[in-house]
Amino acid sequence: MSFMKSLATGLGQALALYGGWGLLAISFLDSSFLSFPLVNDLLLIHLSSRHPHRMLLYAFQATAGSLLGAYATYYIARAGGRFLLRGISQGRVAGARRWLDRNDFVAVLVASLLPPPAPFKVFLITAGVLRVNAARLGAALLLGRGLRFLADGFLGAQYGAAAEAYLKENLVWVSLLTATLVVLISLIHRRLASRRAEKPQPDAPRSSGFSGR
């Protein structure tokens, strides 16, 4: 485990030297084979603070890398990767399964918004094992990661290096607040949809039985 951590640290430092493309690679690996807790967020803020006019490009590269890495994890699990769940707390797996069974889109969206140590990869692996719809998975990831990285880029472009300290101090509660709002909106939407479905439909007008000549 210590070897993997040291490998991730060294690789992350090396990839960071390549700017936006390094950010894309780190985001890909962070969503797939290795873990770089907050490294892509901090690197995105750093790059956006140095080159504010490229902020949208950096946010796009981080989102694209994370989306590709997430799909790699998902398809490995879908192809028979139950072994990936070994070593993961069964409580986390069971929790992810319950959320995905209730609403796979919202579950993945919330998981993609939350910072470490949120079990993001557990949701991806479980989604693959359960064969969650790939299009819905991608839409949730695109929205969640896109919003997160756009917020990182905006902070970097507006506040520079001070945004890095702000992120470290406030990312957890800001992400939790955002995820809570998403869940509430989803619950309200489902409640309204169920009420519309339960509302009795007016009877169709009956035919008089007479036809014109």
N, C-alpha and C. Protein backbone atom coordinates (compact mmCIF):
# COMPACT_ATOMS: atom_id res chain seq x y z
N MET A 1 0.82 -1.19 0.00
CA MET A 1 0.00 0.00 0.00
C MET A 1 0.87 1.26 0.00
N SER A 2 1.94 1.26 0.82
CA SER A 2 2.83 2.41 0.86
C SER A 2 3.52 2.60 -0.48
N PHE A 3 3.83 1.47 -1.16
CA PHE A 3 4.45 1.56 -2.49
C PHE A 3 3.51 2.26 -3.47
N MET A 4 2.22 1.91 -3.44
CA MET A 4 1.25 2.52 -4.34
C MET A 4 1.10 4.00 -4.04
N LYS A 5 1.12 4.36 -2.78
CA LYS A 5 1.01 5.77 -2.41
C LYS A 5 2.21 6.56 -2.91
N SER A 6 3.41 6.00 -2.73
CA SER A 6 4.62 6.69 -3.19
C SER A 6 4.65 6.77 -4.71
N LEU A 7 4.16 5.71 -5.38
CA LEU A 7 4.09 5.72 -6.83
C LEU A 7 3.13 6.80 -7.31
N ALA A 8 1.97 6.88 -6.68
CA ALA A 8 0.99 7.89 -7.06
C ALA A 8 1.53 9.29 -6.83
N THR A 9 2.23 9.49 -5.71
CA THR A 9 2.78 10.82 -5.41
C THR A 9 3.81 11.23 -6.45
N GLY A 10 4.74 10.33 -6.75
CA GLY A 10 5.77 10.64 -7.75
C GLY A 10 5.20 10.85 -9.13
N LEU A 11 4.25 10.01 -9.51
CA LEU A 11 3.64 10.13 -10.84
C LEU A 11 2.83 11.42 -10.94
N GLY A 12 2.12 11.74 -9.87
CA GLY A 12 1.34 12.97 -9.87
C GLY A 12 2.21 14.20 -10.01
N GLN A 13 3.35 14.22 -9.33
CA GLN A 13 4.27 15.36 -9.44
C GLN A 13 4.85 15.46 -10.84
N ALA A 14 5.13 14.32 -11.45
CA ALA A 14 5.68 14.34 -12.81
C ALA A 14 4.64 14.81 -13.82
N LEU A 15 3.42 14.32 -13.72
CA LEU A 15 2.38 14.69 -14.67
C LEU A 15 1.97 16.15 -14.52
N ALA A 16 2.08 16.68 -13.32
CA ALA A 16 1.70 18.07 -13.10
C ALA A 16 2.56 19.04 -13.91
N LEU A 17 3.74 18.60 -14.29
CA LEU A 17 4.64 19.46 -15.07
C LEU A 17 4.13 19.68 -16.49
N TYR A 18 3.18 18.86 -16.94
CA TYR A 18 2.69 18.93 -18.32
C TYR A 18 1.40 19.74 -18.46
N GLY A 19 1.10 20.55 -17.47
CA GLY A 19 -0.01 21.47 -17.57
C GLY A 19 -1.35 20.78 -17.76
N GLY A 20 -2.13 21.27 -18.73
CA GLY A 20 -3.47 20.75 -18.96
C GLY A 20 -3.50 19.29 -19.32
N TRP A 21 -2.53 18.83 -20.12
CA TRP A 21 -2.50 17.41 -20.50
C TRP A 21 -2.14 16.54 -19.31
N GLY A 22 -1.28 17.04 -18.45
CA GLY A 22 -0.98 16.32 -17.22
C GLY A 22 -2.20 16.27 -16.31
N LEU A 23 -2.98 17.36 -16.28
CA LEU A 23 -4.22 17.39 -15.52
C LEU A 23 -5.20 16.34 -16.04
N LEU A 24 -5.30 16.21 -17.35
CA LEU A 24 -6.18 15.19 -17.94
C LEU A 24 -5.73 13.79 -17.53
N ALA A 25 -4.42 13.54 -17.59
CA ALA A 25 -3.90 12.21 -17.23
C ALA A 25 -4.13 11.91 -15.75
N ILE A 26 -3.90 12.89 -14.88
CA ILE A 26 -4.12 12.68 -13.44
C ILE A 26 -5.58 12.39 -13.16
N SER A 27 -6.48 13.13 -13.83
CA SER A 27 -7.90 12.92 -13.62
C SER A 27 -8.32 11.54 -14.11
N PHE A 28 -7.74 11.09 -15.22
CA PHE A 28 -8.03 9.75 -15.72
C PHE A 28 -7.59 8.68 -14.73
N LEU A 29 -6.36 8.79 -14.26
CA LEU A 29 -5.84 7.78 -13.33
C LEU A 29 -6.57 7.83 -12.00
N ASP A 30 -6.94 9.02 -11.54
CA ASP A 30 -7.63 9.16 -10.26
C ASP A 30 -8.99 8.48 -10.28
N SER A 31 -9.64 8.42 -11.46
CA SER A 31 -10.94 7.77 -11.57
C SER A 31 -10.83 6.31 -11.97
N SER A 32 -9.60 5.83 -12.17
CA SER A 32 -9.46 4.45 -12.63
C SER A 32 -8.50 3.65 -11.76
N PHE A 33 -7.20 3.74 -12.03
CA PHE A 33 -6.26 2.78 -11.47
C PHE A 33 -5.54 3.25 -10.21
N LEU A 34 -5.37 4.55 -10.04
CA LEU A 34 -4.66 5.08 -8.88
C LEU A 34 -5.54 6.12 -8.19
N SER A 35 -5.06 6.63 -7.06
CA SER A 35 -5.79 7.67 -6.34
C SER A 35 -4.89 8.87 -6.13
N PHE A 36 -5.41 10.04 -6.52
CA PHE A 36 -4.71 11.31 -6.29
C PHE A 36 -5.67 12.24 -5.56
N PRO A 37 -5.87 12.04 -4.26
CA PRO A 37 -6.88 12.83 -3.53
C PRO A 37 -6.65 14.33 -3.65
N LEU A 38 -7.59 15.01 -4.30
CA LEU A 38 -7.61 16.47 -4.47
C LEU A 38 -6.49 17.00 -5.36
N VAL A 39 -5.62 16.13 -5.89
CA VAL A 39 -4.50 16.62 -6.71
C VAL A 39 -5.02 17.31 -7.96
N ASN A 40 -6.01 16.71 -8.64
CA ASN A 40 -6.53 17.33 -9.85
C ASN A 40 -7.24 18.64 -9.53
N ASP A 41 -7.94 18.71 -8.39
CA ASP A 41 -8.60 19.96 -8.01
C ASP A 41 -7.57 21.08 -7.78
N LEU A 42 -6.53 20.75 -7.00
CA LEU A 42 -5.52 21.76 -6.68
C LEU A 42 -4.71 22.16 -7.91
N LEU A 43 -4.41 21.20 -8.77
CA LEU A 43 -3.67 21.52 -9.99
C LEU A 43 -4.52 22.38 -10.91
N LEU A 44 -5.80 22.10 -11.00
CA LEU A 44 -6.70 22.92 -11.82
C LEU A 44 -6.76 24.35 -11.31
N ILE A 45 -6.84 24.52 -10.01
CA ILE A 45 -6.84 25.86 -9.42
C ILE A 45 -5.53 26.57 -9.72
N HIS A 46 -4.43 25.85 -9.57
CA HIS A 46 -3.11 26.43 -9.81
C HIS A 46 -2.96 26.88 -11.27
N LEU A 47 -3.34 26.02 -12.19
CA LEU A 47 -3.22 26.37 -13.61
C LEU A 47 -4.15 27.52 -13.99
N SER A 48 -5.35 27.52 -13.44
CA SER A 48 -6.30 28.59 -13.75
C SER A 48 -5.86 29.92 -13.16
N SER A 49 -5.17 29.88 -12.02
CA SER A 49 -4.67 31.13 -11.43
C SER A 49 -3.54 31.72 -12.26
N ARG A 50 -2.75 30.87 -12.91
CA ARG A 50 -1.65 31.33 -13.75
C ARG A 50 -2.11 31.75 -15.13
N HIS A 51 -3.13 31.05 -15.65
CA HIS A 51 -3.63 31.34 -16.99
C HIS A 51 -5.16 31.41 -16.95
N PRO A 52 -5.72 32.49 -16.42
CA PRO A 52 -7.18 32.58 -16.28
C PRO A 52 -7.94 32.42 -17.60
N HIS A 53 -7.33 32.85 -18.71
CA HIS A 53 -8.01 32.74 -19.99
C HIS A 53 -8.15 31.30 -20.48
N ARG A 54 -7.42 30.38 -19.86
CA ARG A 54 -7.51 28.96 -20.22
C ARG A 54 -8.35 28.16 -19.22
N MET A 55 -9.03 28.84 -18.33
CA MET A 55 -9.76 28.15 -17.27
C MET A 55 -10.75 27.13 -17.80
N LEU A 56 -11.54 27.51 -18.81
CA LEU A 56 -12.52 26.58 -19.37
C LEU A 56 -11.86 25.36 -20.00
N LEU A 57 -10.72 25.58 -20.65
CA LEU A 57 -9.99 24.47 -21.25
C LEU A 57 -9.51 23.50 -20.17
N TYR A 58 -8.95 24.04 -19.08
CA TYR A 58 -8.46 23.19 -18.00
C TYR A 58 -9.61 22.41 -17.36
N ALA A 59 -10.75 23.07 -17.15
CA ALA A 59 -11.91 22.40 -16.57
C ALA A 59 -12.40 21.28 -17.49
N PHE A 60 -12.37 21.54 -18.80
CA PHE A 60 -12.78 20.52 -19.76
C PHE A 60 -11.82 19.34 -19.73
N GLN A 61 -10.51 19.59 -19.67
CA GLN A 61 -9.54 18.50 -19.66
C GLN A 61 -9.67 17.66 -18.40
N ALA A 62 -9.90 18.31 -17.25
CA ALA A 62 -10.08 17.56 -16.01
C ALA A 62 -11.35 16.71 -16.07
N THR A 63 -12.42 17.29 -16.60
CA THR A 63 -13.68 16.56 -16.71
C THR A 63 -13.56 15.38 -17.68
N ALA A 64 -12.93 15.63 -18.83
CA ALA A 64 -12.77 14.56 -19.83
C ALA A 64 -11.93 13.42 -19.28
N GLY A 65 -10.83 13.74 -18.61
CA GLY A 65 -9.98 12.71 -18.03
C GLY A 65 -10.71 11.89 -16.99
N SER A 66 -11.47 12.58 -16.12
CA SER A 66 -12.21 11.88 -15.08
C SER A 66 -13.30 11.00 -15.68
N LEU A 67 -13.97 11.49 -16.72
CA LEU A 67 -15.03 10.72 -17.37
C LEU A 67 -14.47 9.46 -18.03
N LEU A 68 -13.35 9.59 -18.72
CA LEU A 68 -12.73 8.44 -19.38
C LEU A 68 -12.26 7.41 -18.35
N GLY A 69 -11.65 7.88 -17.28
CA GLY A 69 -11.19 6.96 -16.24
C GLY A 69 -12.34 6.24 -15.55
N ALA A 70 -13.43 6.98 -15.33
CA ALA A 70 -14.60 6.37 -14.70
C ALA A 70 -15.20 5.29 -15.59
N TYR A 71 -15.25 5.55 -16.90
CA TYR A 71 -15.78 4.55 -17.82
C TYR A 71 -14.87 3.31 -17.87
N ALA A 72 -13.56 3.52 -17.76
CA ALA A 72 -12.64 2.38 -17.73
C ALA A 72 -12.94 1.48 -16.53
N THR A 73 -13.12 2.10 -15.36
CA THR A 73 -13.45 1.35 -14.15
C THR A 73 -14.80 0.65 -14.30
N TYR A 74 -15.78 1.37 -14.82
CA TYR A 74 -17.13 0.84 -14.99
C TYR A 74 -17.14 -0.39 -15.90
N TYR A 75 -16.46 -0.29 -17.05
CA TYR A 75 -16.52 -1.40 -18.01
C TYR A 75 -15.71 -2.61 -17.54
N ILE A 76 -14.64 -2.37 -16.79
CA ILE A 76 -13.90 -3.50 -16.22
C ILE A 76 -14.79 -4.25 -15.24
N ALA A 77 -15.50 -3.49 -14.39
CA ALA A 77 -16.41 -4.12 -13.44
C ALA A 77 -17.58 -4.79 -14.15
N ARG A 78 -18.06 -4.18 -15.20
CA ARG A 78 -19.20 -4.75 -15.94
C ARG A 78 -18.81 -6.04 -16.65
N ALA A 79 -17.56 -6.13 -17.06
CA ALA A 79 -17.10 -7.32 -17.79
C ALA A 79 -16.83 -8.51 -16.87
N GLY A 80 -17.03 -8.31 -15.58
CA GLY A 80 -16.81 -9.42 -14.66
C GLY A 80 -15.82 -9.07 -13.58
N GLY A 81 -15.82 -7.81 -13.17
CA GLY A 81 -14.84 -7.36 -12.21
C GLY A 81 -15.30 -7.37 -10.77
N ARG A 82 -16.07 -8.40 -10.38
CA ARG A 82 -16.49 -8.50 -8.98
C ARG A 82 -15.29 -8.59 -8.04
N PHE A 83 -14.17 -9.05 -8.58
CA PHE A 83 -12.97 -9.14 -7.75
C PHE A 83 -12.51 -7.76 -7.28
N LEU A 84 -12.92 -6.72 -8.01
CA LEU A 84 -12.55 -5.36 -7.62
C LEU A 84 -13.18 -4.96 -6.29
N LEU A 85 -14.28 -5.64 -5.92
CA LEU A 85 -14.96 -5.32 -4.67
C LEU A 85 -14.29 -5.94 -3.47
N ARG A 86 -13.34 -6.87 -3.73
CA ARG A 86 -12.63 -7.49 -2.62
C ARG A 86 -11.75 -6.47 -1.93
N GLY A 87 -11.74 -6.50 -0.64
CA GLY A 87 -10.95 -5.55 0.11
C GLY A 87 -11.68 -4.26 0.41
N ILE A 88 -12.88 -4.08 -0.16
CA ILE A 88 -13.69 -2.91 0.10
C ILE A 88 -14.73 -3.26 1.16
N SER A 89 -14.95 -2.36 2.09
CA SER A 89 -15.91 -2.60 3.15
C SER A 89 -17.27 -3.01 2.57
N GLN A 90 -17.81 -4.12 3.07
CA GLN A 90 -19.11 -4.57 2.59
C GLN A 90 -20.22 -3.58 2.92
N GLY A 91 -20.02 -2.80 3.98
CA GLY A 91 -20.99 -1.76 4.32
C GLY A 91 -21.05 -0.70 3.24
N ARG A 92 -19.88 -0.30 2.73
CA ARG A 92 -19.84 0.70 1.66
C ARG A 92 -20.47 0.15 0.38
N VAL A 93 -20.17 -1.10 0.07
CA VAL A 93 -20.74 -1.71 -1.13
C VAL A 93 -22.25 -1.80 -1.02
N ALA A 94 -22.74 -2.23 0.15
CA ALA A 94 -24.18 -2.34 0.34
C ALA A 94 -24.86 -0.98 0.25
N GLY A 95 -24.21 0.05 0.81
CA GLY A 95 -24.77 1.39 0.74
C GLY A 95 -24.84 1.90 -0.69
N ALA A 96 -23.77 1.67 -1.45
CA ALA A 96 -23.75 2.08 -2.85
C ALA A 96 -24.82 1.35 -3.64
N ARG A 97 -24.99 0.07 -3.36
CA ARG A 97 -26.01 -0.73 -4.07
C ARG A 97 -27.42 -0.18 -3.79
N ARG A 98 -27.70 0.18 -2.52
CA ARG A 98 -29.02 0.73 -2.18
C ARG A 98 -29.28 2.03 -2.91
N TRP A 99 -28.27 2.92 -2.93
CA TRP A 99 -28.43 4.20 -3.61
C TRP A 99 -28.65 4.00 -5.11
N LEU A 100 -27.88 3.12 -5.70
CA LEU A 100 -27.99 2.88 -7.14
C LEU A 100 -29.32 2.24 -7.50
N ASP A 101 -29.83 1.38 -6.63
CA ASP A 101 -31.12 0.76 -6.88
C ASP A 101 -32.24 1.79 -6.83
N ARG A 102 -32.11 2.77 -5.95
CA ARG A 102 -33.17 3.78 -5.81
C ARG A 102 -33.15 4.77 -6.98
N ASN A 103 -31.98 5.32 -7.24
CA ASN A 103 -31.87 6.30 -8.33
C ASN A 103 -30.41 6.35 -8.76
N ASP A 104 -30.08 5.61 -9.81
CA ASP A 104 -28.68 5.50 -10.22
C ASP A 104 -28.11 6.85 -10.65
N PHE A 105 -28.90 7.68 -11.33
CA PHE A 105 -28.39 8.97 -11.81
C PHE A 105 -27.99 9.88 -10.65
N VAL A 106 -28.88 10.04 -9.68
CA VAL A 106 -28.59 10.91 -8.53
C VAL A 106 -27.45 10.34 -7.69
N ALA A 107 -27.40 9.03 -7.53
CA ALA A 107 -26.34 8.41 -6.73
C ALA A 107 -24.97 8.71 -7.31
N VAL A 108 -24.82 8.54 -8.62
CA VAL A 108 -23.53 8.79 -9.27
C VAL A 108 -23.24 10.29 -9.28
N LEU A 109 -24.26 11.11 -9.49
CA LEU A 109 -24.08 12.56 -9.49
C LEU A 109 -23.53 13.04 -8.15
N VAL A 110 -24.14 12.60 -7.06
CA VAL A 110 -23.69 13.01 -5.73
C VAL A 110 -22.28 12.50 -5.45
N ALA A 111 -22.01 11.23 -5.81
CA ALA A 111 -20.69 10.66 -5.58
C ALA A 111 -19.61 11.41 -6.35
N SER A 112 -19.95 11.91 -7.54
CA SER A 112 -18.97 12.63 -8.35
C SER A 112 -18.72 14.04 -7.85
N LEU A 113 -19.64 14.57 -7.05
CA LEU A 113 -19.48 15.91 -6.49
C LEU A 113 -18.68 15.91 -5.20
N LEU A 114 -18.79 14.83 -4.44
CA LEU A 114 -18.17 14.81 -3.11
C LEU A 114 -16.65 14.61 -3.20
N PRO A 115 -15.91 15.23 -2.29
CA PRO A 115 -14.45 15.07 -2.28
C PRO A 115 -14.05 13.81 -1.53
N PRO A 116 -12.78 13.40 -1.63
CA PRO A 116 -12.30 12.28 -0.81
C PRO A 116 -12.52 12.60 0.67
N PRO A 117 -12.82 11.61 1.51
CA PRO A 117 -12.78 10.17 1.22
C PRO A 117 -14.11 9.57 0.77
N ALA A 118 -14.94 10.33 0.08
CA ALA A 118 -16.19 9.77 -0.44
C ALA A 118 -15.89 8.58 -1.35
N PRO A 119 -16.69 7.51 -1.26
CA PRO A 119 -16.39 6.26 -2.00
C PRO A 119 -16.78 6.34 -3.47
N PHE A 120 -16.15 7.23 -4.22
CA PHE A 120 -16.50 7.42 -5.63
C PHE A 120 -16.30 6.14 -6.44
N LYS A 121 -15.14 5.51 -6.29
CA LYS A 121 -14.86 4.31 -7.08
C LYS A 121 -15.74 3.14 -6.68
N VAL A 122 -16.17 3.10 -5.43
CA VAL A 122 -17.08 2.05 -5.01
C VAL A 122 -18.38 2.14 -5.82
N PHE A 123 -18.85 3.37 -6.04
CA PHE A 123 -20.06 3.56 -6.83
C PHE A 123 -19.83 3.14 -8.28
N LEU A 124 -18.67 3.46 -8.82
CA LEU A 124 -18.38 3.09 -10.21
C LEU A 124 -18.32 1.58 -10.37
N ILE A 125 -17.62 0.91 -9.46
CA ILE A 125 -17.49 -0.55 -9.55
C ILE A 125 -18.85 -1.22 -9.36
N THR A 126 -19.60 -0.76 -8.36
CA THR A 126 -20.91 -1.33 -8.11
C THR A 126 -21.84 -1.08 -9.28
N ALA A 127 -21.75 0.10 -9.89
CA ALA A 127 -22.56 0.41 -11.07
C ALA A 127 -22.23 -0.53 -12.21
N GLY A 128 -20.95 -0.88 -12.37
CA GLY A 128 -20.57 -1.81 -13.41
C GLY A 128 -21.08 -3.21 -13.14
N VAL A 129 -20.97 -3.67 -11.88
CA VAL A 129 -21.46 -4.99 -11.51
C VAL A 129 -22.97 -5.09 -11.71
N LEU A 130 -23.69 -4.00 -11.39
CA LEU A 130 -25.14 -3.98 -11.54
C LEU A 130 -25.58 -3.66 -12.97
N ARG A 131 -24.61 -3.36 -13.83
CA ARG A 131 -24.91 -3.02 -15.22
C ARG A 131 -25.86 -1.82 -15.34
N VAL A 132 -25.53 -0.78 -14.57
CA VAL A 132 -26.28 0.47 -14.67
C VAL A 132 -26.15 1.01 -16.09
N ASN A 133 -27.21 1.65 -16.59
CA ASN A 133 -27.20 2.18 -17.94
C ASN A 133 -26.00 3.11 -18.15
N ALA A 134 -25.19 2.81 -19.17
CA ALA A 134 -23.95 3.55 -19.40
C ALA A 134 -24.20 5.01 -19.76
N ALA A 135 -25.28 5.29 -20.50
CA ALA A 135 -25.58 6.66 -20.89
C ALA A 135 -25.97 7.50 -19.68
N ARG A 136 -26.80 6.94 -18.80
CA ARG A 136 -27.19 7.66 -17.59
C ARG A 136 -25.98 7.88 -16.67
N LEU A 137 -25.13 6.87 -16.60
CA LEU A 137 -23.90 7.01 -15.82
C LEU A 137 -23.05 8.16 -16.36
N GLY A 138 -22.86 8.20 -17.67
CA GLY A 138 -22.05 9.24 -18.27
C GLY A 138 -22.64 10.62 -18.08
N ALA A 139 -23.96 10.73 -18.19
CA ALA A 139 -24.61 12.03 -17.99
C ALA A 139 -24.43 12.54 -16.57
N ALA A 140 -24.56 11.64 -15.59
CA ALA A 140 -24.38 12.02 -14.19
C ALA A 140 -22.93 12.42 -13.92
N LEU A 141 -21.99 11.68 -14.47
CA LEU A 141 -20.58 12.01 -14.29
C LEU A 141 -20.23 13.33 -14.94
N LEU A 142 -20.73 13.54 -16.15
CA LEU A 142 -20.44 14.78 -16.87
C LEU A 142 -20.97 15.99 -16.10
N LEU A 143 -22.17 15.88 -15.57
CA LEU A 143 -22.75 16.99 -14.82
C LEU A 143 -22.01 17.21 -13.51
N GLY A 144 -21.80 16.13 -12.75
CA GLY A 144 -21.17 16.27 -11.44
C GLY A 144 -19.73 16.72 -11.51
N ARG A 145 -18.92 16.03 -12.31
CA ARG A 145 -17.52 16.41 -12.44
C ARG A 145 -17.37 17.76 -13.13
N GLY A 146 -18.23 18.01 -14.12
CA GLY A 146 -18.16 19.30 -14.82
C GLY A 146 -18.40 20.46 -13.87
N LEU A 147 -19.44 20.37 -13.03
CA LEU A 147 -19.72 21.43 -12.06
C LEU A 147 -18.58 21.58 -11.06
N ARG A 148 -18.06 20.47 -10.60
CA ARG A 148 -16.97 20.53 -9.62
C ARG A 148 -15.73 21.20 -10.19
N PHE A 149 -15.33 20.80 -11.39
CA PHE A 149 -14.11 21.36 -11.97
C PHE A 149 -14.31 22.79 -12.47
N LEU A 150 -15.51 23.13 -12.90
CA LEU A 150 -15.78 24.52 -13.26
C LEU A 150 -15.67 25.42 -12.02
N ALA A 151 -16.16 24.93 -10.89
CA ALA A 151 -16.03 25.69 -9.65
C ALA A 151 -14.57 25.86 -9.26
N ASP A 152 -13.77 24.79 -9.41
CA ASP A 152 -12.33 24.88 -9.12
C ASP A 152 -11.67 25.92 -10.01
N GLY A 153 -11.97 25.86 -11.32
CA GLY A 153 -11.36 26.79 -12.25
C GLY A 153 -11.75 28.22 -11.96
N PHE A 154 -13.01 28.43 -11.62
CA PHE A 154 -13.47 29.79 -11.30
C PHE A 154 -12.75 30.34 -10.08
N LEU A 155 -12.61 29.51 -9.05
CA LEU A 155 -11.90 29.95 -7.85
C LEU A 155 -10.45 30.32 -8.17
N GLY A 156 -9.80 29.48 -8.98
CA GLY A 156 -8.41 29.77 -9.34
C GLY A 156 -8.27 31.03 -10.15
N ALA A 157 -9.15 31.22 -11.13
CA ALA A 157 -9.07 32.40 -11.99
C ALA A 157 -9.39 33.68 -11.23
N GLN A 158 -10.29 33.60 -10.25
CA GLN A 158 -10.71 34.79 -9.54
C GLN A 158 -9.82 35.14 -8.35
N TYR A 159 -9.36 34.12 -7.63
CA TYR A 159 -8.68 34.37 -6.37
C TYR A 159 -7.23 33.91 -6.33
N GLY A 160 -6.76 33.29 -7.41
CA GLY A 160 -5.36 32.92 -7.48
C GLY A 160 -4.96 31.87 -6.46
N ALA A 161 -3.76 32.04 -5.92
CA ALA A 161 -3.21 31.04 -5.01
C ALA A 161 -4.03 30.92 -3.72
N ALA A 162 -4.73 32.00 -3.34
CA ALA A 162 -5.53 31.94 -2.11
C ALA A 162 -6.65 30.91 -2.23
N ALA A 163 -7.06 30.60 -3.47
CA ALA A 163 -8.14 29.63 -3.66
C ALA A 163 -7.72 28.23 -3.24
N GLU A 164 -6.42 27.91 -3.32
CA GLU A 164 -5.96 26.58 -2.91
C GLU A 164 -6.20 26.38 -1.41
N ALA A 165 -5.87 27.38 -0.60
CA ALA A 165 -6.10 27.28 0.83
C ALA A 165 -7.60 27.22 1.12
N TYR A 166 -8.38 27.98 0.37
CA TYR A 166 -9.84 27.97 0.56
C TYR A 166 -10.40 26.59 0.25
N LEU A 167 -9.90 25.97 -0.82
CA LEU A 167 -10.38 24.65 -1.19
C LEU A 167 -10.09 23.64 -0.10
N LYS A 168 -8.88 23.64 0.43
CA LYS A 168 -8.51 22.68 1.47
C LYS A 168 -9.36 22.85 2.72
N GLU A 169 -9.73 24.09 3.02
CA GLU A 169 -10.46 24.36 4.26
C GLU A 169 -11.97 24.17 4.12
N ASN A 170 -12.50 24.37 2.91
CA ASN A 170 -13.96 24.44 2.76
C ASN A 170 -14.55 23.45 1.76
N LEU A 171 -13.72 22.67 1.07
CA LEU A 171 -14.26 21.80 0.03
C LEU A 171 -15.26 20.81 0.59
N VAL A 172 -14.98 20.26 1.76
CA VAL A 172 -15.84 19.21 2.30
C VAL A 172 -17.26 19.73 2.53
N TRP A 173 -17.39 20.85 3.26
CA TRP A 173 -18.74 21.31 3.58
C TRP A 173 -19.45 21.88 2.36
N VAL A 174 -18.70 22.52 1.45
CA VAL A 174 -19.33 23.04 0.23
C VAL A 174 -19.84 21.88 -0.62
N SER A 175 -19.04 20.82 -0.76
CA SER A 175 -19.46 19.65 -1.54
C SER A 175 -20.66 18.97 -0.90
N LEU A 176 -20.64 18.85 0.44
CA LEU A 176 -21.76 18.23 1.13
C LEU A 176 -23.04 19.04 0.95
N LEU A 177 -22.91 20.37 1.02
CA LEU A 177 -24.07 21.23 0.82
C LEU A 177 -24.63 21.07 -0.59
N THR A 178 -23.73 21.03 -1.58
CA THR A 178 -24.16 20.86 -2.97
C THR A 178 -24.84 19.51 -3.17
N ALA A 179 -24.25 18.46 -2.62
CA ALA A 179 -24.84 17.12 -2.75
C ALA A 179 -26.20 17.05 -2.07
N THR A 180 -26.33 17.71 -0.91
CA THR A 180 -27.61 17.72 -0.21
C THR A 180 -28.68 18.41 -1.03
N LEU A 181 -28.32 19.54 -1.67
CA LEU A 181 -29.28 20.24 -2.53
C LEU A 181 -29.70 19.37 -3.70
N VAL A 182 -28.74 18.64 -4.28
CA VAL A 182 -29.06 17.76 -5.41
C VAL A 182 -30.05 16.68 -4.97
N VAL A 183 -29.80 16.09 -3.80
CA VAL A 183 -30.70 15.04 -3.30
C VAL A 183 -32.09 15.60 -3.03
N LEU A 184 -32.17 16.78 -2.42
CA LEU A 184 -33.46 17.39 -2.13
C LEU A 184 -34.24 17.70 -3.40
N ILE A 185 -33.55 18.25 -4.39
CA ILE A 185 -34.20 18.55 -5.66
C ILE A 185 -34.72 17.27 -6.31
N SER A 186 -33.90 16.22 -6.24
CA SER A 186 -34.31 14.94 -6.81
C SER A 186 -35.54 14.38 -6.09
N LEU A 187 -35.55 14.45 -4.75
CA LEU A 187 -36.69 13.94 -3.99
C LEU A 187 -37.96 14.73 -4.30
N ILE A 188 -37.83 16.05 -4.41
CA ILE A 188 -38.99 16.88 -4.75
C ILE A 188 -39.50 16.53 -6.14
N HIS A 189 -38.57 16.35 -7.07
CA HIS A 189 -38.97 15.99 -8.44
C HIS A 189 -39.70 14.65 -8.46
N ARG A 190 -39.18 13.66 -7.74
CA ARG A 190 -39.82 12.35 -7.71
C ARG A 190 -41.19 12.42 -7.05
N ARG A 191 -41.33 13.25 -5.99
CA ARG A 191 -42.61 13.39 -5.33
C ARG A 191 -43.64 14.01 -6.27
N LEU A 192 -43.24 15.06 -6.97
CA LEU A 192 -44.16 15.70 -7.91
C LEU A 192 -44.53 14.75 -9.05
N ALA A 193 -43.55 14.00 -9.53
CA ALA A 193 -43.82 13.06 -10.63
C ALA A 193 -44.78 11.96 -10.18
N SER A 194 -44.60 11.46 -8.94
CA SER A 194 -45.49 10.41 -8.45
C SER A 194 -46.90 10.95 -8.25
N ARG A 195 -47.03 12.21 -7.81
CA ARG A 195 -48.36 12.79 -7.65
C ARG A 195 -49.05 12.96 -9.00
N ARG A 196 -48.29 13.38 -10.01
CA ARG A 196 -48.89 13.51 -11.34
C ARG A 196 -49.34 12.15 -11.87
N ALA A 197 -48.55 11.11 -11.57
CA ALA A 197 -48.91 9.78 -12.04
C ALA A 197 -50.14 9.24 -11.32
N GLU A 198 -50.32 9.62 -10.03
CA GLU A 198 -51.46 9.13 -9.26
C GLU A 198 -52.73 9.93 -9.53
N LYS A 199 -52.60 11.13 -10.10
CA LYS A 199 -53.75 11.98 -10.36
C LYS A 199 -54.67 11.32 -11.37
N PRO A 200 -55.97 11.14 -11.04
CA PRO A 200 -56.89 10.47 -11.98
C PRO A 200 -57.06 11.28 -13.25
N GLN A 201 -57.05 10.58 -14.36
CA GLN A 201 -57.22 11.21 -15.65
C GLN A 201 -58.71 11.36 -15.96
N PRO A 202 -59.11 12.49 -16.59
CA PRO A 202 -60.53 12.67 -16.95
C PRO A 202 -60.96 11.62 -17.96
N ASP A 203 -62.21 11.17 -17.80
CA ASP A 203 -62.74 10.17 -18.71
C ASP A 203 -62.86 10.73 -20.11
N ALA A 204 -62.58 9.88 -21.09
CA ALA A 204 -62.72 10.31 -22.48
C ALA A 204 -64.18 10.49 -22.81
N PRO A 205 -64.53 11.48 -23.64
CA PRO A 205 -65.94 11.70 -24.00
C PRO A 205 -66.51 10.50 -24.71
N ARG A 206 -67.73 10.14 -24.29
CA ARG A 206 -68.37 8.99 -24.87
C ARG A 206 -69.00 9.34 -26.22
N SER A 207 -69.01 8.35 -27.08
CA SER A 207 -69.64 8.54 -28.38
C SER A 207 -71.15 8.49 -28.23
N SER A 208 -71.87 9.33 -28.97
CA SER A 208 -73.33 9.39 -28.86
C SER A 208 -73.99 8.18 -29.50
N GLY A 209 -73.26 7.49 -30.33
CA GLY A 209 -73.82 6.33 -31.00
C GLY A 209 -74.54 6.65 -32.27
N PHE A 210 -74.66 7.96 -32.61
CA PHE A 210 -75.31 8.35 -33.84
C PHE A 210 -74.28 8.82 -34.82
N SER A 211 -74.46 8.57 -36.05
CA SER A 211 -73.55 9.02 -37.10
C SER A 211 -74.33 9.86 -38.09
N GLY A 212 -73.69 10.86 -38.57
CA GLY A 212 -74.34 11.75 -39.54
C GLY A 212 -74.54 11.04 -40.86
N ARG A 213 -75.60 11.49 -41.59
CA ARG A 213 -75.86 10.91 -42.89
C ARG A 213 -75.08 11.62 -43.96
